[in-house]
Amino acid sequence: MDFYYKNSNLRFRVEIDGIQQAGFLECTGLGSSIEVLQTHEGTDTTIRKIPGKTTYPNVKLTWAAAADLHLYNWYKEAANGNIFRKNISVILINAEGDDEARWNITHAWPCAYEGPVFSTLGAEVATESLTLVCEKIEKVG
């Protein structure tokens, strides 16, 4: 299925273990940071800064609420102690509909699920979201 969510700002699609998942509205948390370690040698009073461990933030996927239980069931399995790690790709699509860039998320598993807020006061879309922990996030091509 070649589906992407389209608006005037951004188009992207999500693949989970190579299977395209439709209808995502938002993806946040694509990044990383390197710990900065401070050290000095002998009597040298100058502090040197060297790289430490690289860490990756949680990634949050948000989609329009639907009857599909695939992502919720993945979370439910994790909540029951059955961790199934999956590889995920978030693909940016250019104006011509071609893949522009890709972020690969390695060995992800869900650590939080957020259901919709129901209110008759506004015209918002009911959404669900899944927060994922992962071992690595890498931007490629």
N, C-alpha and C. Protein backbone atom coordinates (compact mmCIF):
# COMPACT_ATOMS: atom_id res chain seq x y z
N MET A 1 0.85 -1.17 0.00
CA MET A 1 0.00 0.00 0.00
C MET A 1 0.90 1.23 0.00
N ASP A 2 0.71 2.12 -0.95
CA ASP A 2 1.52 3.34 -1.03
C ASP A 2 0.68 4.50 -0.50
N PHE A 3 0.61 4.61 0.82
CA PHE A 3 -0.23 5.63 1.46
C PHE A 3 0.65 6.57 2.25
N TYR A 4 0.37 7.83 2.18
CA TYR A 4 1.04 8.81 3.02
C TYR A 4 0.02 9.84 3.43
N TYR A 5 0.28 10.47 4.55
CA TYR A 5 -0.61 11.53 5.01
C TYR A 5 -0.13 12.83 4.39
N LYS A 6 -1.01 13.58 3.76
CA LYS A 6 -0.61 14.77 3.00
C LYS A 6 -1.24 16.02 3.60
N ASN A 7 -0.41 17.03 3.77
CA ASN A 7 -0.91 18.36 4.06
C ASN A 7 0.03 19.36 3.41
N SER A 8 -0.16 20.63 3.62
CA SER A 8 0.65 21.63 2.93
C SER A 8 2.08 21.69 3.45
N ASN A 9 2.36 21.13 4.61
CA ASN A 9 3.68 21.25 5.21
C ASN A 9 4.59 20.04 4.98
N LEU A 10 4.04 18.86 5.04
CA LEU A 10 4.89 17.68 5.14
C LEU A 10 4.13 16.43 4.70
N ARG A 11 4.86 15.56 4.03
CA ARG A 11 4.29 14.25 3.69
C ARG A 11 5.29 13.19 4.12
N PHE A 12 4.79 12.15 4.78
CA PHE A 12 5.66 11.07 5.21
C PHE A 12 4.85 9.79 5.34
N ARG A 13 5.57 8.69 5.36
CA ARG A 13 4.93 7.40 5.62
C ARG A 13 5.81 6.64 6.61
N VAL A 14 5.24 5.62 7.22
CA VAL A 14 5.94 4.83 8.22
C VAL A 14 5.91 3.37 7.81
N GLU A 15 7.06 2.72 7.90
CA GLU A 15 7.15 1.29 7.66
C GLU A 15 7.59 0.63 8.96
N ILE A 16 6.87 -0.41 9.36
CA ILE A 16 7.22 -1.16 10.57
C ILE A 16 7.57 -2.57 10.12
N ASP A 17 8.85 -2.92 10.30
CA ASP A 17 9.39 -4.18 9.79
C ASP A 17 9.03 -4.39 8.33
N GLY A 18 9.17 -3.32 7.53
CA GLY A 18 8.96 -3.39 6.09
C GLY A 18 7.51 -3.30 5.65
N ILE A 19 6.57 -3.27 6.59
CA ILE A 19 5.15 -3.18 6.25
C ILE A 19 4.70 -1.74 6.44
N GLN A 20 4.12 -1.14 5.40
CA GLN A 20 3.68 0.25 5.51
C GLN A 20 2.41 0.34 6.34
N GLN A 21 2.45 1.25 7.30
CA GLN A 21 1.30 1.52 8.15
C GLN A 21 0.70 2.85 7.72
N ALA A 22 -0.58 2.89 7.50
CA ALA A 22 -1.23 4.08 6.96
C ALA A 22 -1.76 5.00 8.05
N GLY A 23 -1.92 6.27 7.69
CA GLY A 23 -2.67 7.22 8.49
C GLY A 23 -1.94 7.90 9.63
N PHE A 24 -0.63 7.92 9.66
CA PHE A 24 0.07 8.61 10.74
C PHE A 24 -0.02 10.12 10.54
N LEU A 25 -0.29 10.82 11.62
CA LEU A 25 -0.42 12.28 11.59
C LEU A 25 0.87 12.97 12.02
N GLU A 26 1.63 12.31 12.90
CA GLU A 26 2.80 12.97 13.46
C GLU A 26 3.81 11.93 13.93
N CYS A 27 5.07 12.28 13.81
CA CYS A 27 6.17 11.49 14.36
C CYS A 27 7.14 12.47 15.01
N THR A 28 7.44 12.27 16.30
CA THR A 28 8.38 13.15 17.00
C THR A 28 9.46 12.31 17.66
N GLY A 29 10.61 12.95 17.91
CA GLY A 29 11.68 12.30 18.65
C GLY A 29 12.80 11.75 17.80
N LEU A 30 12.82 12.06 16.51
CA LEU A 30 13.89 11.56 15.66
C LEU A 30 15.16 12.36 15.92
N GLY A 31 16.09 11.80 16.64
CA GLY A 31 17.32 12.51 16.96
C GLY A 31 18.24 11.66 17.79
N SER A 32 19.29 12.28 18.30
CA SER A 32 20.23 11.62 19.18
C SER A 32 21.08 12.68 19.88
N SER A 33 21.78 12.27 20.92
CA SER A 33 22.71 13.18 21.59
C SER A 33 23.91 12.38 22.09
N ILE A 34 25.05 13.08 22.16
CA ILE A 34 26.28 12.45 22.62
C ILE A 34 26.64 13.04 23.98
N GLU A 35 26.83 12.17 24.94
CA GLU A 35 27.25 12.57 26.27
C GLU A 35 28.64 13.22 26.17
N VAL A 36 28.85 14.31 26.89
CA VAL A 36 30.15 14.99 26.90
C VAL A 36 30.84 14.68 28.23
N LEU A 37 32.01 14.05 28.13
CA LEU A 37 32.80 13.71 29.32
C LEU A 37 33.93 14.72 29.48
N GLN A 38 34.19 15.11 30.70
CA GLN A 38 35.28 16.05 30.98
C GLN A 38 36.43 15.30 31.64
N THR A 39 37.64 15.59 31.17
CA THR A 39 38.82 14.92 31.70
C THR A 39 40.01 15.87 31.69
N HIS A 40 41.04 15.51 32.40
CA HIS A 40 42.29 16.27 32.34
C HIS A 40 43.43 15.29 32.58
N GLU A 41 44.63 15.67 32.19
CA GLU A 41 45.79 14.78 32.32
C GLU A 41 46.78 15.36 33.32
N GLY A 42 47.19 14.55 34.26
CA GLY A 42 48.22 14.93 35.22
C GLY A 42 47.94 16.25 35.89
N THR A 43 48.91 17.16 35.83
CA THR A 43 48.76 18.47 36.46
C THR A 43 48.19 19.52 35.53
N ASP A 44 47.86 19.11 34.31
CA ASP A 44 47.25 20.04 33.35
C ASP A 44 45.92 20.52 33.91
N THR A 45 45.74 21.82 34.01
CA THR A 45 44.50 22.36 34.56
C THR A 45 43.43 22.59 33.49
N THR A 46 43.79 22.35 32.25
CA THR A 46 42.82 22.51 31.17
C THR A 46 41.91 21.28 31.11
N ILE A 47 40.63 21.54 31.12
CA ILE A 47 39.65 20.46 31.03
C ILE A 47 39.47 20.13 29.55
N ARG A 48 39.60 18.87 29.23
CA ARG A 48 39.36 18.39 27.87
C ARG A 48 37.97 17.77 27.84
N LYS A 49 37.30 17.93 26.74
CA LYS A 49 35.97 17.35 26.57
C LYS A 49 36.04 16.29 25.49
N ILE A 50 35.58 15.09 25.85
CA ILE A 50 35.62 13.97 24.93
C ILE A 50 34.22 13.36 24.82
N PRO A 51 33.96 12.68 23.69
CA PRO A 51 32.63 12.08 23.52
C PRO A 51 32.44 10.85 24.39
N GLY A 52 31.23 10.71 24.89
CA GLY A 52 30.85 9.54 25.68
C GLY A 52 29.84 8.71 24.90
N LYS A 53 28.85 8.23 25.60
CA LYS A 53 27.84 7.37 24.99
C LYS A 53 26.82 8.20 24.19
N THR A 54 26.35 7.62 23.10
CA THR A 54 25.28 8.24 22.31
C THR A 54 23.95 7.68 22.80
N THR A 55 22.98 8.56 23.02
CA THR A 55 21.65 8.13 23.45
C THR A 55 20.61 8.60 22.44
N TYR A 56 19.49 7.91 22.44
CA TYR A 56 18.41 8.18 21.49
C TYR A 56 17.12 8.42 22.27
N PRO A 57 16.38 9.47 21.91
CA PRO A 57 15.14 9.76 22.64
C PRO A 57 14.04 8.77 22.26
N ASN A 58 12.97 8.81 23.02
CA ASN A 58 11.78 8.04 22.64
C ASN A 58 11.17 8.67 21.40
N VAL A 59 10.58 7.83 20.57
CA VAL A 59 9.90 8.27 19.35
C VAL A 59 8.41 8.10 19.59
N LYS A 60 7.64 9.12 19.21
CA LYS A 60 6.19 9.07 19.40
C LYS A 60 5.50 9.12 18.04
N LEU A 61 4.68 8.12 17.77
CA LEU A 61 3.87 8.06 16.55
C LEU A 61 2.43 8.35 16.91
N THR A 62 1.79 9.25 16.16
CA THR A 62 0.40 9.62 16.40
C THR A 62 -0.39 9.38 15.13
N TRP A 63 -1.60 8.81 15.26
CA TRP A 63 -2.45 8.52 14.12
C TRP A 63 -3.90 8.78 14.49
N ALA A 64 -4.74 8.92 13.47
CA ALA A 64 -6.18 9.10 13.69
C ALA A 64 -6.74 7.81 14.29
N ALA A 65 -7.53 7.96 15.36
CA ALA A 65 -8.09 6.79 16.04
C ALA A 65 -8.92 5.97 15.06
N ALA A 66 -8.74 4.65 15.15
CA ALA A 66 -9.44 3.75 14.24
C ALA A 66 -9.70 2.42 14.96
N ALA A 67 -10.46 1.56 14.30
CA ALA A 67 -10.78 0.26 14.88
C ALA A 67 -9.61 -0.71 14.80
N ASP A 68 -8.59 -0.41 14.00
CA ASP A 68 -7.42 -1.29 13.86
C ASP A 68 -6.70 -1.43 15.20
N LEU A 69 -6.41 -2.65 15.62
CA LEU A 69 -5.79 -2.91 16.91
C LEU A 69 -4.33 -3.32 16.82
N HIS A 70 -3.75 -3.34 15.62
CA HIS A 70 -2.40 -3.85 15.42
C HIS A 70 -1.38 -3.18 16.35
N LEU A 71 -1.30 -1.85 16.35
CA LEU A 71 -0.32 -1.14 17.17
C LEU A 71 -0.66 -1.24 18.66
N TYR A 72 -1.94 -1.16 18.99
CA TYR A 72 -2.33 -1.28 20.40
C TYR A 72 -1.97 -2.68 20.93
N ASN A 73 -2.21 -3.71 20.12
CA ASN A 73 -1.89 -5.07 20.56
C ASN A 73 -0.38 -5.26 20.76
N TRP A 74 0.45 -4.58 19.95
CA TRP A 74 1.90 -4.62 20.14
C TRP A 74 2.24 -4.04 21.52
N TYR A 75 1.61 -2.90 21.86
CA TYR A 75 1.80 -2.30 23.18
C TYR A 75 1.30 -3.23 24.29
N LYS A 76 0.12 -3.81 24.09
CA LYS A 76 -0.47 -4.68 25.10
C LYS A 76 0.44 -5.87 25.40
N GLU A 77 1.06 -6.43 24.37
CA GLU A 77 2.01 -7.53 24.57
C GLU A 77 3.18 -7.06 25.44
N ALA A 78 3.70 -5.86 25.15
CA ALA A 78 4.81 -5.32 25.95
C ALA A 78 4.37 -5.11 27.40
N ALA A 79 3.16 -4.59 27.59
CA ALA A 79 2.64 -4.36 28.94
C ALA A 79 2.51 -5.67 29.72
N ASN A 80 2.32 -6.77 28.99
CA ASN A 80 2.21 -8.09 29.61
C ASN A 80 3.57 -8.78 29.74
N GLY A 81 4.66 -8.05 29.42
CA GLY A 81 6.00 -8.60 29.58
C GLY A 81 6.58 -9.27 28.35
N ASN A 82 5.84 -9.26 27.25
CA ASN A 82 6.31 -9.87 26.01
C ASN A 82 6.82 -8.79 25.07
N ILE A 83 8.12 -8.54 25.11
CA ILE A 83 8.71 -7.47 24.31
C ILE A 83 9.07 -8.01 22.93
N PHE A 84 8.46 -7.43 21.91
CA PHE A 84 8.76 -7.77 20.52
C PHE A 84 9.37 -6.52 19.88
N ARG A 85 10.67 -6.58 19.61
CA ARG A 85 11.37 -5.44 19.01
C ARG A 85 11.14 -5.43 17.51
N LYS A 86 10.93 -4.22 16.98
CA LYS A 86 10.70 -4.06 15.55
C LYS A 86 11.58 -2.94 15.01
N ASN A 87 11.91 -3.06 13.75
CA ASN A 87 12.63 -2.00 13.05
C ASN A 87 11.62 -1.14 12.31
N ILE A 88 11.79 0.16 12.40
CA ILE A 88 10.82 1.11 11.85
C ILE A 88 11.57 2.10 10.97
N SER A 89 10.93 2.52 9.88
CA SER A 89 11.46 3.60 9.05
C SER A 89 10.40 4.67 8.90
N VAL A 90 10.84 5.92 9.04
CA VAL A 90 9.98 7.07 8.78
C VAL A 90 10.55 7.70 7.52
N ILE A 91 9.72 7.81 6.47
CA ILE A 91 10.20 8.25 5.16
C ILE A 91 9.54 9.57 4.78
N LEU A 92 10.38 10.58 4.55
CA LEU A 92 9.92 11.89 4.08
C LEU A 92 9.69 11.79 2.58
N ILE A 93 8.56 12.31 2.12
CA ILE A 93 8.20 12.25 0.70
C ILE A 93 8.21 13.66 0.13
N ASN A 94 8.85 13.84 -1.02
CA ASN A 94 8.92 15.18 -1.63
C ASN A 94 7.64 15.49 -2.41
N ALA A 95 7.58 16.68 -2.98
CA ALA A 95 6.38 17.15 -3.68
C ALA A 95 6.01 16.27 -4.87
N GLU A 96 6.99 15.57 -5.45
CA GLU A 96 6.73 14.68 -6.58
C GLU A 96 6.27 13.30 -6.15
N GLY A 97 6.26 13.05 -4.84
CA GLY A 97 5.84 11.76 -4.33
C GLY A 97 6.97 10.75 -4.19
N ASP A 98 8.21 11.20 -4.38
CA ASP A 98 9.37 10.31 -4.25
C ASP A 98 9.93 10.37 -2.84
N ASP A 99 10.60 9.29 -2.43
CA ASP A 99 11.26 9.27 -1.13
C ASP A 99 12.39 10.29 -1.13
N GLU A 100 12.41 11.12 -0.12
CA GLU A 100 13.42 12.19 -0.02
C GLU A 100 14.47 11.85 1.03
N ALA A 101 14.04 11.37 2.18
CA ALA A 101 14.96 11.01 3.27
C ALA A 101 14.30 9.93 4.11
N ARG A 102 15.13 9.22 4.86
CA ARG A 102 14.64 8.10 5.68
C ARG A 102 15.35 8.11 7.03
N TRP A 103 14.58 7.88 8.08
CA TRP A 103 15.13 7.70 9.41
C TRP A 103 14.82 6.26 9.82
N ASN A 104 15.86 5.49 10.09
CA ASN A 104 15.69 4.10 10.52
C ASN A 104 15.78 4.04 12.04
N ILE A 105 14.80 3.41 12.64
CA ILE A 105 14.70 3.26 14.09
C ILE A 105 14.90 1.77 14.38
N THR A 106 15.95 1.46 15.15
CA THR A 106 16.36 0.07 15.32
C THR A 106 15.92 -0.50 16.66
N HIS A 107 15.38 -1.72 16.61
CA HIS A 107 14.99 -2.50 17.79
C HIS A 107 14.04 -1.74 18.71
N ALA A 108 12.99 -1.18 18.14
CA ALA A 108 12.02 -0.41 18.91
C ALA A 108 10.97 -1.31 19.55
N TRP A 109 10.48 -0.87 20.70
CA TRP A 109 9.34 -1.52 21.34
C TRP A 109 8.53 -0.46 22.09
N PRO A 110 7.23 -0.67 22.20
CA PRO A 110 6.35 0.35 22.80
C PRO A 110 6.45 0.39 24.32
N CYS A 111 6.59 1.61 24.86
CA CYS A 111 6.63 1.78 26.31
C CYS A 111 5.43 2.57 26.83
N ALA A 112 4.63 3.17 25.93
CA ALA A 112 3.45 3.92 26.36
C ALA A 112 2.44 3.98 25.22
N TYR A 113 1.18 3.93 25.60
CA TYR A 113 0.07 4.09 24.66
C TYR A 113 -0.81 5.21 25.19
N GLU A 114 -1.29 6.06 24.29
CA GLU A 114 -2.20 7.14 24.68
C GLU A 114 -3.43 7.08 23.78
N GLY A 115 -4.59 6.90 24.40
CA GLY A 115 -5.84 6.85 23.66
C GLY A 115 -6.39 8.24 23.41
N PRO A 116 -7.49 8.32 22.67
CA PRO A 116 -8.05 9.62 22.32
C PRO A 116 -8.71 10.33 23.50
N VAL A 117 -8.78 11.65 23.36
CA VAL A 117 -9.55 12.48 24.28
C VAL A 117 -10.87 12.76 23.58
N PHE A 118 -11.96 12.40 24.21
CA PHE A 118 -13.27 12.63 23.61
C PHE A 118 -13.89 13.89 24.20
N SER A 119 -14.26 14.81 23.31
CA SER A 119 -14.86 16.06 23.75
C SER A 119 -15.81 16.56 22.67
N THR A 120 -16.93 17.07 23.08
CA THR A 120 -17.88 17.65 22.12
C THR A 120 -17.64 19.15 21.97
N LEU A 121 -16.60 19.68 22.59
CA LEU A 121 -16.36 21.12 22.58
C LEU A 121 -15.58 21.61 21.37
N GLY A 122 -14.95 20.74 20.64
CA GLY A 122 -14.12 21.19 19.52
C GLY A 122 -14.30 20.32 18.30
N ALA A 123 -13.52 20.61 17.28
CA ALA A 123 -13.60 19.88 16.03
C ALA A 123 -12.32 19.08 15.77
N GLU A 124 -11.57 18.76 16.84
CA GLU A 124 -10.33 18.04 16.69
C GLU A 124 -10.57 16.60 16.25
N VAL A 125 -9.55 16.02 15.66
CA VAL A 125 -9.59 14.62 15.26
C VAL A 125 -9.18 13.78 16.47
N ALA A 126 -9.91 12.72 16.74
CA ALA A 126 -9.54 11.80 17.82
C ALA A 126 -8.28 11.06 17.39
N THR A 127 -7.27 11.08 18.25
CA THR A 127 -6.00 10.45 17.90
C THR A 127 -5.57 9.43 18.94
N GLU A 128 -4.69 8.54 18.53
CA GLU A 128 -4.02 7.60 19.41
C GLU A 128 -2.53 7.81 19.19
N SER A 129 -1.72 7.44 20.19
CA SER A 129 -0.28 7.53 19.99
C SER A 129 0.42 6.40 20.73
N LEU A 130 1.58 6.07 20.21
CA LEU A 130 2.43 5.04 20.77
C LEU A 130 3.81 5.64 20.96
N THR A 131 4.36 5.52 22.16
CA THR A 131 5.72 5.97 22.43
C THR A 131 6.62 4.75 22.40
N LEU A 132 7.73 4.88 21.66
CA LEU A 132 8.64 3.77 21.45
C LEU A 132 10.02 4.08 22.01
N VAL A 133 10.64 3.11 22.64
CA VAL A 133 12.05 3.19 22.98
C VAL A 133 12.80 2.44 21.90
N CYS A 134 14.04 2.81 21.68
CA CYS A 134 14.81 2.14 20.63
C CYS A 134 16.29 2.13 20.98
N GLU A 135 17.06 1.39 20.23
CA GLU A 135 18.50 1.30 20.45
C GLU A 135 19.28 2.27 19.57
N LYS A 136 18.69 2.67 18.45
CA LYS A 136 19.42 3.55 17.53
C LYS A 136 18.45 4.22 16.58
N ILE A 137 18.76 5.48 16.21
CA ILE A 137 18.04 6.21 15.17
C ILE A 137 19.08 6.74 14.21
N GLU A 138 18.90 6.45 12.94
CA GLU A 138 19.89 6.86 11.94
C GLU A 138 19.20 7.43 10.72
N LYS A 139 19.65 8.61 10.30
CA LYS A 139 19.14 9.22 9.06
C LYS A 139 19.99 8.71 7.90
N VAL A 140 19.30 8.20 6.87
CA VAL A 140 19.99 7.68 5.69
C VAL A 140 19.36 8.29 4.44
N GLY A 141 20.18 8.38 3.40
CA GLY A 141 19.76 8.87 2.08
C GLY A 141 18.63 9.71 1.99
